[in-house]
Structure formats: C-alpha cells, structure tokens
Protein backbone atom coordinates (compact mmCIF):
# COMPACT_ATOMS: atom_id res chain seq x y z
CA MET A 1 -0.09 0.01 -0.01
CA TYR A 2 2.74 2.49 0.92
CA LYS A 3 5.27 1.18 -1.36
CA HIS A 4 4.73 3.69 -4.24
CA MET A 5 4.08 6.75 -1.86
CA ASN A 6 5.47 10.01 -2.84
CA ILE A 7 7.36 11.29 0.38
CA HIS A 8 7.69 14.74 -1.06
CA SER A 9 3.85 15.08 -1.70
CA CYS A 10 3.09 13.69 1.70
CA GLU A 11 5.42 16.09 3.26
CA HIS A 12 3.65 19.12 1.66
CA PHE A 13 0.17 17.62 2.43
CA PHE A 14 0.89 17.29 6.05
CA LYS A 15 2.56 20.67 6.37
CA ASN A 16 -0.87 22.08 5.85
CA PHE A 17 -1.83 20.75 9.27
CA SER A 18 1.22 22.05 11.05
CA ASP A 19 0.31 25.61 10.48
CA ARG A 20 -1.74 27.05 13.17
CA THR A 21 -3.88 29.17 10.89
CA ARG A 22 -4.45 26.71 8.26
CA LEU A 23 -5.35 24.21 11.00
CA ALA A 24 -7.81 26.68 12.57
CA ILE A 25 -9.45 27.34 9.16
CA ILE A 26 -9.78 23.53 8.72
CA THR A 27 -11.39 22.88 12.00
CA SER A 28 -13.70 25.91 11.59
CA LEU A 29 -15.11 23.96 8.59
CA ILE A 30 -15.84 20.77 10.49
CA GLU A 31 -19.42 21.59 11.30
CA LYS A 32 -20.59 23.51 7.94
CA PRO A 33 -19.31 25.32 5.08
CA LEU A 34 -18.43 29.01 5.54
CA SER A 35 -17.65 32.30 3.65
CA VAL A 36 -14.44 34.05 3.96
CA ASN A 37 -15.92 36.56 6.40
CA GLU A 38 -17.20 33.84 8.51
CA ILE A 39 -14.01 31.97 8.61
CA VAL A 40 -12.29 35.18 9.70
CA GLU A 41 -14.81 35.88 12.41
CA LYS A 42 -14.25 32.24 13.69
CA THR A 43 -10.62 32.00 13.60
CA ARG A 44 -9.96 35.65 14.52
CA ASN A 45 -7.41 36.03 11.87
CA GLU A 46 -6.81 38.96 9.16
CA GLN A 47 -8.91 38.57 6.13
CA SER A 48 -5.85 38.90 4.00
CA ASN A 49 -4.17 35.86 5.91
CA VAL A 50 -7.25 33.77 5.75
CA SER A 51 -7.54 34.33 2.12
CA HIS A 52 -3.99 33.51 1.59
CA GLN A 53 -4.18 30.37 3.45
CA LEU A 54 -7.55 29.27 1.82
CA LYS A 55 -5.79 29.53 -1.49
CA LYS A 56 -3.17 26.97 -0.48
CA LEU A 57 -5.84 24.71 1.17
CA VAL A 58 -7.95 24.73 -1.89
CA HIS A 59 -4.91 24.06 -4.06
CA CYS A 60 -4.01 20.90 -2.04
CA LYS A 61 -7.77 19.79 -2.40
CA ILE A 62 -8.10 19.76 1.54
CA LEU A 63 -10.87 22.24 1.04
CA LEU A 64 -13.46 22.64 -1.70
CA SER A 65 -14.91 26.21 -2.79
CA GLU A 66 -18.15 27.12 -4.53
CA ARG A 67 -19.27 30.35 -5.63
CA GLN A 68 -22.66 31.39 -4.44
CA GLY A 69 -23.37 34.64 -6.00
CA LYS A 70 -20.74 37.10 -5.07
CA ARG A 71 -19.59 34.97 -2.09
CA LYS A 72 -17.26 31.84 -2.06
CA ILE A 73 -18.21 29.21 0.48
CA TYR A 74 -15.48 26.97 1.65
CA SER A 75 -15.88 23.35 2.79
CA LEU A 76 -13.88 20.52 3.95
CA ASN A 77 -13.20 17.76 1.24
CA ASN A 78 -15.23 15.31 3.39
CA LYS A 79 -14.33 12.34 1.23
CA THR A 80 -10.83 12.50 1.97
CA ILE A 81 -10.04 14.96 4.78
CA SER A 82 -12.85 14.14 7.45
CA PRO A 83 -11.37 10.59 7.89
CA ILE A 84 -7.74 12.09 8.30
CA LEU A 85 -9.04 14.74 10.90
CA GLU A 86 -10.96 12.07 12.70
CA ALA A 87 -7.89 9.74 13.08
CA ALA A 88 -5.73 12.82 14.17
CA PHE A 89 -8.14 13.80 16.87
CA ASN A 90 -8.56 10.11 18.09
CA HIS A 91 -4.87 9.62 18.10
CA THR A 92 -4.11 13.05 20.00
CA LYS A 93 -7.01 12.20 22.48
CA MET A 94 -5.80 8.68 23.26
CA ASN A 95 -1.92 9.17 23.12
CA CYS A 96 -0.96 12.82 23.21
CA GLN A 97 -2.61 14.58 26.24
CA ASN A 98 0.73 15.66 27.57
CA THR A 99 3.30 13.75 25.80
CA CYS A 100 3.16 15.30 22.23
CA ASN A 101 4.61 18.67 22.86
CA ILE A 102 7.59 18.93 20.68
CA GLN A 103 10.52 20.72 22.43
CA LYS A 104 12.58 22.93 20.37
CA ASN A 105 16.21 23.28 21.35
CA ASP A 106 17.35 26.94 21.86
C-alpha cells in the first residue's frame, strides 16, 4: 500500500496541518461550510491572511470552494479529509494529552 508513496507530496500535504492558521481554518469548517468573512470571524485572523491560506488549502484539495453569487463558500473535502481529521483527533485524544509537545532546542 505505501510502497509507491510519494514522500515529497505527503510532506507538503501534512505541512498544511502544522500551520496554526490553516489548522484553525480547517477545524472551523468541520461543522458546516463557511464564507471567508465567517472563517475570519471564527478564527480571529486577518482577512488577507485567511484568504492566502484558503488558496493553499484549496490548491491541495483539502478544502473545496463554491461560488454562491458574489461569495465563495468553503467546505472540507469530506471524502478524504474528514477521515484524516478524525484519526488525528482520536490519536491525540488517546495518546498525546501531555506527551506530544515537541521541544525545540534553544
């Protein structure tokens, strides 16, 4: 199954989840699709930063976007991303309560 995995592509895919802003955007969309303004409000980030991160997440197919009139509505790519998020949340709940804090050497 993993024999032909492209490590470079996987690295870039998982980097999306290591960025605090992108992760906040992703988790804000778990319950329902949202517009840019709604995501800005939920994540408490600047609109320009949210728009920049949304572009990256759509490019990687983590999020989907749909135009509704003048607004773009963003949603999780539930077919592939929801199972990954569920596995990550379950893993951290079961295994990483106090042990997954990565220490950086000063």
